[in-house]
Amino acid sequence: MLGDIAGLIAAVAFVALVVVLALPLVRLGKLFDRTAASIEEITEHSVPILDEAARTVSQTNVQLEKVDTITTAASEVSQNVSALTGLYAATFGKPLVKVAAFSYGVRQAFAKAVRKNRNKADGSVGTDDFTATSPNPSPAAKNGGER
């Protein structure tokens, strides 16, 4: 009889232990269920976001290809303008300098002739020195019309 009571107490203690241990396991199971539901919900929301991001990246690549085409065209235009500028400078640069020097010389000659005519009319004496008519002659005039 004493053994039966001890066995009964041990059985009740074991049942209590199982109940005490079962409660955290049940809570842990509920936690796993909620975690699985949250992961499923996140997956449902992230798949469309990822799909949209993939579409956006693909559209961006298309736009970047267009920008690359525009950039290439702008580079070619810049090179063509540079070549044209060089050609223009080589073709017209030196003759324009010569024309400018010639026109400067003609103006100086006319100015000198006008001064001589005035001096003759006034009776005063003028100088024939070219530097007197132009205290700062142009570099083209100093070099005889060439640079």
N, C-alpha and C. Protein backbone atom coordinates (compact mmCIF):
# COMPACT_ATOMS: atom_id res chain seq x y z
N MET A 1 0.77 -1.15 0.00
CA MET A 1 0.00 0.00 0.00
C MET A 1 0.85 1.27 0.00
N LEU A 2 1.83 1.29 0.73
CA LEU A 2 2.72 2.44 0.73
C LEU A 2 3.36 2.59 -0.64
N GLY A 3 3.64 1.52 -1.30
CA GLY A 3 4.20 1.54 -2.64
C GLY A 3 3.18 2.07 -3.64
N ASP A 4 1.89 1.72 -3.40
CA ASP A 4 0.86 2.22 -4.31
C ASP A 4 0.71 3.73 -4.18
N ILE A 5 0.77 4.23 -2.97
CA ILE A 5 0.63 5.68 -2.75
C ILE A 5 1.85 6.39 -3.36
N ALA A 6 3.01 5.84 -3.18
CA ALA A 6 4.22 6.44 -3.75
C ALA A 6 4.14 6.42 -5.27
N GLY A 7 3.60 5.36 -5.85
CA GLY A 7 3.45 5.27 -7.30
C GLY A 7 2.44 6.29 -7.81
N LEU A 8 1.35 6.45 -7.02
CA LEU A 8 0.33 7.42 -7.38
C LEU A 8 0.89 8.84 -7.32
N ILE A 9 1.65 9.14 -6.30
CA ILE A 9 2.27 10.47 -6.16
C ILE A 9 3.25 10.70 -7.31
N ALA A 10 4.00 9.67 -7.64
CA ALA A 10 4.96 9.79 -8.75
C ALA A 10 4.23 10.00 -10.06
N ALA A 11 3.10 9.33 -10.27
CA ALA A 11 2.32 9.49 -11.50
C ALA A 11 1.75 10.89 -11.58
N VAL A 12 1.21 11.40 -10.46
CA VAL A 12 0.66 12.76 -10.44
C VAL A 12 1.78 13.77 -10.69
N ALA A 13 2.93 13.56 -10.11
CA ALA A 13 4.08 14.46 -10.31
C ALA A 13 4.52 14.43 -11.77
N PHE A 14 4.49 13.25 -12.35
CA PHE A 14 4.88 13.13 -13.76
C PHE A 14 3.88 13.85 -14.66
N VAL A 15 2.58 13.71 -14.37
CA VAL A 15 1.54 14.41 -15.15
C VAL A 15 1.72 15.92 -15.00
N ALA A 16 2.00 16.39 -13.79
CA ALA A 16 2.22 17.82 -13.55
C ALA A 16 3.45 18.30 -14.33
N LEU A 17 4.48 17.48 -14.33
CA LEU A 17 5.70 17.83 -15.07
C LEU A 17 5.41 17.91 -16.57
N VAL A 18 4.63 16.97 -17.08
CA VAL A 18 4.27 16.97 -18.50
C VAL A 18 3.45 18.21 -18.83
N VAL A 19 2.51 18.58 -17.96
CA VAL A 19 1.68 19.77 -18.19
C VAL A 19 2.56 21.01 -18.17
N VAL A 20 3.46 21.10 -17.19
CA VAL A 20 4.34 22.26 -17.08
C VAL A 20 5.24 22.37 -18.31
N LEU A 21 5.73 21.25 -18.80
CA LEU A 21 6.59 21.27 -19.98
C LEU A 21 5.79 21.43 -21.27
N ALA A 22 4.55 21.01 -21.29
CA ALA A 22 3.73 21.08 -22.49
C ALA A 22 3.31 22.52 -22.79
N LEU A 23 3.07 23.34 -21.78
CA LEU A 23 2.64 24.72 -22.00
C LEU A 23 3.69 25.52 -22.81
N PRO A 24 4.96 25.52 -22.45
CA PRO A 24 5.93 26.25 -23.29
C PRO A 24 6.04 25.67 -24.69
N LEU A 25 5.87 24.34 -24.80
CA LEU A 25 5.94 23.74 -26.13
C LEU A 25 4.75 24.18 -26.99
N VAL A 26 3.57 24.29 -26.39
CA VAL A 26 2.39 24.78 -27.12
C VAL A 26 2.62 26.23 -27.54
N ARG A 27 3.14 27.04 -26.62
CA ARG A 27 3.43 28.44 -26.95
C ARG A 27 4.48 28.53 -28.07
N LEU A 28 5.48 27.68 -27.99
CA LEU A 28 6.51 27.65 -29.02
C LEU A 28 5.91 27.24 -30.37
N GLY A 29 4.99 26.32 -30.37
CA GLY A 29 4.30 25.91 -31.60
C GLY A 29 3.51 27.06 -32.19
N LYS A 30 2.79 27.82 -31.32
CA LYS A 30 2.04 28.99 -31.79
C LYS A 30 2.99 30.05 -32.38
N LEU A 31 4.14 30.21 -31.73
CA LEU A 31 5.13 31.16 -32.23
C LEU A 31 5.62 30.75 -33.62
N PHE A 32 5.88 29.47 -33.80
CA PHE A 32 6.30 28.97 -35.12
C PHE A 32 5.20 29.18 -36.16
N ASP A 33 3.95 28.97 -35.77
CA ASP A 33 2.84 29.19 -36.70
C ASP A 33 2.75 30.66 -37.12
N ARG A 34 2.88 31.56 -36.14
CA ARG A 34 2.84 33.00 -36.46
C ARG A 34 4.03 33.40 -37.32
N THR A 35 5.19 32.83 -37.03
CA THR A 35 6.38 33.13 -37.83
C THR A 35 6.19 32.66 -39.26
N ALA A 36 5.64 31.47 -39.42
CA ALA A 36 5.40 30.95 -40.77
C ALA A 36 4.39 31.83 -41.51
N ALA A 37 3.35 32.29 -40.80
CA ALA A 37 2.35 33.17 -41.43
C ALA A 37 2.99 34.50 -41.82
N SER A 38 3.84 35.04 -40.95
CA SER A 38 4.51 36.31 -41.26
C SER A 38 5.43 36.16 -42.47
N ILE A 39 6.15 35.06 -42.52
CA ILE A 39 7.05 34.82 -43.66
C ILE A 39 6.24 34.69 -44.94
N GLU A 40 5.12 34.00 -44.87
CA GLU A 40 4.27 33.85 -46.05
C GLU A 40 3.73 35.21 -46.50
N GLU A 41 3.32 36.05 -45.55
CA GLU A 41 2.81 37.37 -45.88
C GLU A 41 3.91 38.24 -46.49
N ILE A 42 5.09 38.18 -45.92
CA ILE A 42 6.23 38.95 -46.46
C ILE A 42 6.54 38.48 -47.88
N THR A 43 6.49 37.18 -48.08
CA THR A 43 6.76 36.64 -49.42
C THR A 43 5.72 37.13 -50.41
N GLU A 44 4.44 37.14 -49.99
CA GLU A 44 3.38 37.61 -50.88
C GLU A 44 3.58 39.07 -51.28
N HIS A 45 4.08 39.87 -50.34
CA HIS A 45 4.28 41.30 -50.62
C HIS A 45 5.60 41.56 -51.35
N SER A 46 6.61 40.75 -51.10
CA SER A 46 7.91 41.04 -51.72
C SER A 46 8.03 40.55 -53.15
N VAL A 47 7.32 39.53 -53.52
CA VAL A 47 7.41 39.04 -54.90
C VAL A 47 6.96 40.11 -55.89
N PRO A 48 5.82 40.79 -55.68
CA PRO A 48 5.46 41.87 -56.62
C PRO A 48 6.47 43.01 -56.62
N ILE A 49 7.01 43.31 -55.45
CA ILE A 49 8.02 44.38 -55.37
C ILE A 49 9.25 43.99 -56.18
N LEU A 50 9.68 42.76 -56.05
CA LEU A 50 10.85 42.29 -56.81
C LEU A 50 10.56 42.28 -58.30
N ASP A 51 9.35 41.88 -58.68
CA ASP A 51 8.98 41.90 -60.10
C ASP A 51 9.00 43.33 -60.65
N GLU A 52 8.46 44.26 -59.87
CA GLU A 52 8.45 45.66 -60.31
C GLU A 52 9.87 46.21 -60.38
N ALA A 53 10.71 45.83 -59.42
CA ALA A 53 12.10 46.28 -59.46
C ALA A 53 12.81 45.74 -60.70
N ALA A 54 12.53 44.50 -61.05
CA ALA A 54 13.14 43.92 -62.26
C ALA A 54 12.67 44.66 -63.51
N ARG A 55 11.37 45.01 -63.57
CA ARG A 55 10.87 45.79 -64.71
C ARG A 55 11.53 47.17 -64.76
N THR A 56 11.67 47.78 -63.60
CA THR A 56 12.29 49.11 -63.54
C THR A 56 13.74 49.05 -64.02
N VAL A 57 14.47 48.04 -63.59
CA VAL A 57 15.86 47.90 -64.02
C VAL A 57 15.93 47.68 -65.52
N SER A 58 15.03 46.88 -66.05
CA SER A 58 15.04 46.64 -67.50
C SER A 58 14.70 47.91 -68.27
N GLN A 59 13.72 48.69 -67.79
CA GLN A 59 13.39 49.96 -68.44
C GLN A 59 14.55 50.95 -68.32
N THR A 60 15.22 50.93 -67.19
CA THR A 60 16.38 51.80 -67.00
C THR A 60 17.49 51.44 -67.98
N ASN A 61 17.69 50.16 -68.20
CA ASN A 61 18.70 49.73 -69.17
C ASN A 61 18.36 50.23 -70.57
N VAL A 62 17.08 50.19 -70.93
CA VAL A 62 16.67 50.69 -72.24
C VAL A 62 16.97 52.19 -72.34
N GLN A 63 16.63 52.93 -71.28
CA GLN A 63 16.88 54.38 -71.28
C GLN A 63 18.38 54.67 -71.33
N LEU A 64 19.16 53.88 -70.61
CA LEU A 64 20.62 54.08 -70.62
C LEU A 64 21.20 53.81 -72.01
N GLU A 65 20.64 52.86 -72.73
CA GLU A 65 21.09 52.63 -74.11
C GLU A 65 20.79 53.85 -74.97
N LYS A 66 19.63 54.46 -74.76
CA LYS A 66 19.29 55.68 -75.51
C LYS A 66 20.25 56.81 -75.15
N VAL A 67 20.53 56.96 -73.85
CA VAL A 67 21.46 58.00 -73.41
C VAL A 67 22.84 57.75 -73.99
N ASP A 68 23.24 56.48 -74.05
CA ASP A 68 24.54 56.14 -74.62
C ASP A 68 24.59 56.54 -76.09
N THR A 69 23.50 56.31 -76.81
CA THR A 69 23.44 56.71 -78.22
C THR A 69 23.55 58.23 -78.35
N ILE A 70 22.84 58.94 -77.49
CA ILE A 70 22.89 60.41 -77.53
C ILE A 70 24.29 60.90 -77.19
N THR A 71 24.91 60.30 -76.19
CA THR A 71 26.26 60.70 -75.79
C THR A 71 27.26 60.45 -76.92
N THR A 72 27.12 59.32 -77.58
CA THR A 72 28.00 59.01 -78.70
C THR A 72 27.82 60.03 -79.82
N ALA A 73 26.57 60.36 -80.12
CA ALA A 73 26.30 61.35 -81.17
C ALA A 73 26.87 62.72 -80.78
N ALA A 74 26.72 63.11 -79.53
CA ALA A 74 27.26 64.39 -79.07
C ALA A 74 28.78 64.40 -79.17
N SER A 75 29.40 63.30 -78.86
CA SER A 75 30.86 63.20 -78.98
C SER A 75 31.29 63.35 -80.43
N GLU A 76 30.58 62.70 -81.33
CA GLU A 76 30.90 62.82 -82.75
C GLU A 76 30.71 64.25 -83.24
N VAL A 77 29.64 64.90 -82.80
CA VAL A 77 29.40 66.30 -83.19
C VAL A 77 30.54 67.18 -82.67
N SER A 78 30.95 66.94 -81.45
CA SER A 78 32.04 67.72 -80.86
C SER A 78 33.33 67.54 -81.65
N GLN A 79 33.62 66.31 -82.05
CA GLN A 79 34.82 66.06 -82.85
C GLN A 79 34.71 66.74 -84.21
N ASN A 80 33.53 66.69 -84.82
CA ASN A 80 33.34 67.34 -86.12
C ASN A 80 33.49 68.86 -86.01
N VAL A 81 32.95 69.44 -84.95
CA VAL A 81 33.09 70.89 -84.75
C VAL A 81 34.55 71.25 -84.54
N SER A 82 35.26 70.43 -83.78
CA SER A 82 36.68 70.68 -83.55
C SER A 82 37.46 70.62 -84.86
N ALA A 83 37.17 69.61 -85.67
CA ALA A 83 37.86 69.49 -86.97
C ALA A 83 37.51 70.67 -87.87
N LEU A 84 36.24 71.08 -87.86
CA LEU A 84 35.82 72.21 -88.69
C LEU A 84 36.49 73.50 -88.23
N THR A 85 36.61 73.68 -86.93
CA THR A 85 37.28 74.86 -86.40
C THR A 85 38.74 74.89 -86.82
N GLY A 86 39.39 73.74 -86.73
CA GLY A 86 40.79 73.66 -87.16
C GLY A 86 40.93 73.95 -88.65
N LEU A 87 40.02 73.42 -89.44
CA LEU A 87 40.05 73.66 -90.88
C LEU A 87 39.81 75.13 -91.19
N TYR A 88 38.85 75.73 -90.50
CA TYR A 88 38.55 77.15 -90.71
C TYR A 88 39.76 78.01 -90.35
N ALA A 89 40.38 77.71 -89.21
CA ALA A 89 41.54 78.49 -88.78
C ALA A 89 42.69 78.33 -89.77
N ALA A 90 42.90 77.11 -90.26
CA ALA A 90 43.99 76.88 -91.21
C ALA A 90 43.69 77.55 -92.55
N THR A 91 42.44 77.54 -92.97
CA THR A 91 42.09 78.07 -94.28
C THR A 91 42.00 79.60 -94.28
N PHE A 92 41.33 80.16 -93.29
CA PHE A 92 41.05 81.59 -93.31
C PHE A 92 41.89 82.39 -92.32
N GLY A 93 42.54 81.76 -91.39
CA GLY A 93 43.26 82.48 -90.34
C GLY A 93 44.36 83.38 -90.86
N LYS A 94 45.31 82.82 -91.60
CA LYS A 94 46.44 83.60 -92.08
C LYS A 94 46.01 84.68 -93.08
N PRO A 95 45.15 84.36 -94.04
CA PRO A 95 44.70 85.44 -94.95
C PRO A 95 43.98 86.56 -94.21
N LEU A 96 43.20 86.25 -93.19
CA LEU A 96 42.51 87.30 -92.44
C LEU A 96 43.50 88.19 -91.70
N VAL A 97 44.56 87.59 -91.17
CA VAL A 97 45.59 88.40 -90.51
C VAL A 97 46.25 89.33 -91.52
N LYS A 98 46.51 88.81 -92.71
CA LYS A 98 47.13 89.64 -93.75
C LYS A 98 46.19 90.77 -94.17
N VAL A 99 44.91 90.47 -94.31
CA VAL A 99 43.94 91.51 -94.68
C VAL A 99 43.86 92.56 -93.58
N ALA A 100 43.86 92.12 -92.32
CA ALA A 100 43.80 93.07 -91.21
C ALA A 100 45.04 93.96 -91.21
N ALA A 101 46.20 93.37 -91.42
CA ALA A 101 47.43 94.16 -91.45
C ALA A 101 47.42 95.14 -92.63
N PHE A 102 46.95 94.67 -93.78
CA PHE A 102 46.87 95.54 -94.95
C PHE A 102 45.93 96.71 -94.70
N SER A 103 44.74 96.40 -94.14
CA SER A 103 43.78 97.48 -93.88
C SER A 103 44.32 98.46 -92.85
N TYR A 104 45.08 97.97 -91.88
CA TYR A 104 45.70 98.86 -90.90
C TYR A 104 46.70 99.78 -91.60
N GLY A 105 47.49 99.19 -92.47
CA GLY A 105 48.47 100.00 -93.21
C GLY A 105 47.81 101.04 -94.09
N VAL A 106 46.72 100.65 -94.76
CA VAL A 106 45.99 101.60 -95.62
C VAL A 106 45.42 102.73 -94.78
N ARG A 107 44.85 102.41 -93.64
CA ARG A 107 44.30 103.47 -92.77
C ARG A 107 45.39 104.42 -92.31
N GLN A 108 46.55 103.85 -91.95
CA GLN A 108 47.65 104.70 -91.52
C GLN A 108 48.13 105.60 -92.66
N ALA A 109 48.18 105.03 -93.85
CA ALA A 109 48.63 105.83 -95.00
C ALA A 109 47.64 106.96 -95.29
N PHE A 110 46.34 106.65 -95.25
CA PHE A 110 45.35 107.70 -95.46
C PHE A 110 45.42 108.76 -94.36
N ALA A 111 45.61 108.32 -93.13
CA ALA A 111 45.71 109.28 -92.03
C ALA A 111 46.93 110.17 -92.22
N LYS A 112 48.02 109.59 -92.65
CA LYS A 112 49.24 110.36 -92.87
C LYS A 112 49.02 111.36 -94.01
N ALA A 113 48.36 110.91 -95.08
CA ALA A 113 48.09 111.79 -96.21
C ALA A 113 47.18 112.94 -95.80
N VAL A 114 46.18 112.64 -94.99
CA VAL A 114 45.26 113.69 -94.52
C VAL A 114 46.02 114.69 -93.66
N ARG A 115 46.90 114.19 -92.79
CA ARG A 115 47.69 115.10 -91.94
C ARG A 115 48.61 115.98 -92.79
N LYS A 116 49.20 115.40 -93.81
CA LYS A 116 50.08 116.20 -94.68
C LYS A 116 49.29 117.29 -95.38
N ASN A 117 48.10 116.93 -95.85
CA ASN A 117 47.26 117.93 -96.53
C ASN A 117 46.85 119.03 -95.56
N ARG A 118 46.54 118.67 -94.33
CA ARG A 118 46.18 119.69 -93.33
C ARG A 118 47.37 120.57 -93.01
N ASN A 119 48.52 119.91 -92.86
CA ASN A 119 49.73 120.67 -92.53
C ASN A 119 50.08 121.64 -93.67
N LYS A 120 49.90 121.20 -94.91
CA LYS A 120 50.16 122.10 -96.04
C LYS A 120 49.17 123.25 -96.03
N ALA A 121 47.92 122.93 -95.71
CA ALA A 121 46.90 123.98 -95.70
C ALA A 121 47.14 124.94 -94.54
N ASP A 122 47.61 124.42 -93.39
CA ASP A 122 47.86 125.27 -92.22
C ASP A 122 49.22 125.93 -92.31
N GLY A 123 50.11 125.38 -93.07
CA GLY A 123 51.46 125.91 -93.18
C GLY A 123 52.36 125.39 -92.08
N SER A 124 51.93 124.40 -91.30
CA SER A 124 52.79 123.87 -90.25
C SER A 124 53.62 122.73 -90.81
N VAL A 125 54.63 122.36 -90.05
CA VAL A 125 55.54 121.31 -90.50
C VAL A 125 55.18 120.03 -89.77
N GLY A 126 55.01 118.92 -90.51
CA GLY A 126 54.69 117.62 -89.91
C GLY A 126 55.87 116.69 -90.01
N THR A 127 55.78 115.56 -89.37
CA THR A 127 56.86 114.59 -89.42
C THR A 127 56.49 113.50 -90.39
N ASP A 128 57.49 112.92 -91.03
CA ASP A 128 57.26 111.81 -91.95
C ASP A 128 57.49 110.48 -91.26
N ASP A 129 57.80 110.51 -90.01
CA ASP A 129 58.09 109.26 -89.27
C ASP A 129 56.79 108.49 -89.03
N PHE A 130 56.77 107.22 -89.43
CA PHE A 130 55.56 106.39 -89.29
C PHE A 130 55.18 106.18 -87.84
N THR A 131 56.17 106.06 -86.95
CA THR A 131 55.88 105.81 -85.54
C THR A 131 55.25 107.03 -84.89
N ALA A 132 55.43 108.20 -85.47
CA ALA A 132 54.81 109.38 -84.90
C ALA A 132 53.31 109.35 -85.10
N THR A 133 52.84 108.69 -86.16
CA THR A 133 51.40 108.62 -86.41
C THR A 133 50.76 107.53 -85.58
N SER A 134 51.55 106.56 -85.17
CA SER A 134 51.00 105.45 -84.41
C SER A 134 51.94 105.10 -83.26
N PRO A 135 51.66 105.59 -82.05
CA PRO A 135 52.58 105.30 -80.94
C PRO A 135 52.61 103.81 -80.60
N ASN A 136 51.55 103.07 -80.89
CA ASN A 136 51.49 101.63 -80.60
C ASN A 136 51.05 100.88 -81.83
N PRO A 137 51.94 100.69 -82.80
CA PRO A 137 51.51 99.96 -84.00
C PRO A 137 51.16 98.52 -83.66
N SER A 138 50.27 97.94 -84.47
CA SER A 138 49.83 96.56 -84.22
C SER A 138 50.96 95.59 -84.50
N PRO A 139 50.92 94.41 -83.90
CA PRO A 139 51.96 93.41 -84.18
C PRO A 139 52.00 93.04 -85.65
N ALA A 140 50.85 93.05 -86.32
CA ALA A 140 50.83 92.71 -87.75
C ALA A 140 51.58 93.78 -88.55
N ALA A 141 51.43 95.05 -88.17
CA ALA A 141 52.11 96.12 -88.89
C ALA A 141 53.61 96.08 -88.63
N LYS A 142 54.01 95.74 -87.41
CA LYS A 142 55.43 95.65 -87.08
C LYS A 142 56.11 94.55 -87.88
N ASN A 143 55.41 93.44 -88.10
CA ASN A 143 56.01 92.29 -88.79
C ASN A 143 55.76 92.33 -90.28
N GLY A 144 55.30 93.38 -90.80
CA GLY A 144 55.05 93.47 -92.23
C GLY A 144 53.82 92.71 -92.66
N GLY A 145 52.86 92.53 -91.79
CA GLY A 145 51.61 91.88 -92.17
C GLY A 145 51.56 90.40 -91.86
N GLU A 146 52.63 89.83 -91.30
CA GLU A 146 52.61 88.39 -90.98
C GLU A 146 52.84 88.20 -89.50
N ARG A 147 52.33 87.11 -89.01
CA ARG A 147 52.53 86.79 -87.59
C ARG A 147 53.70 85.91 -87.39
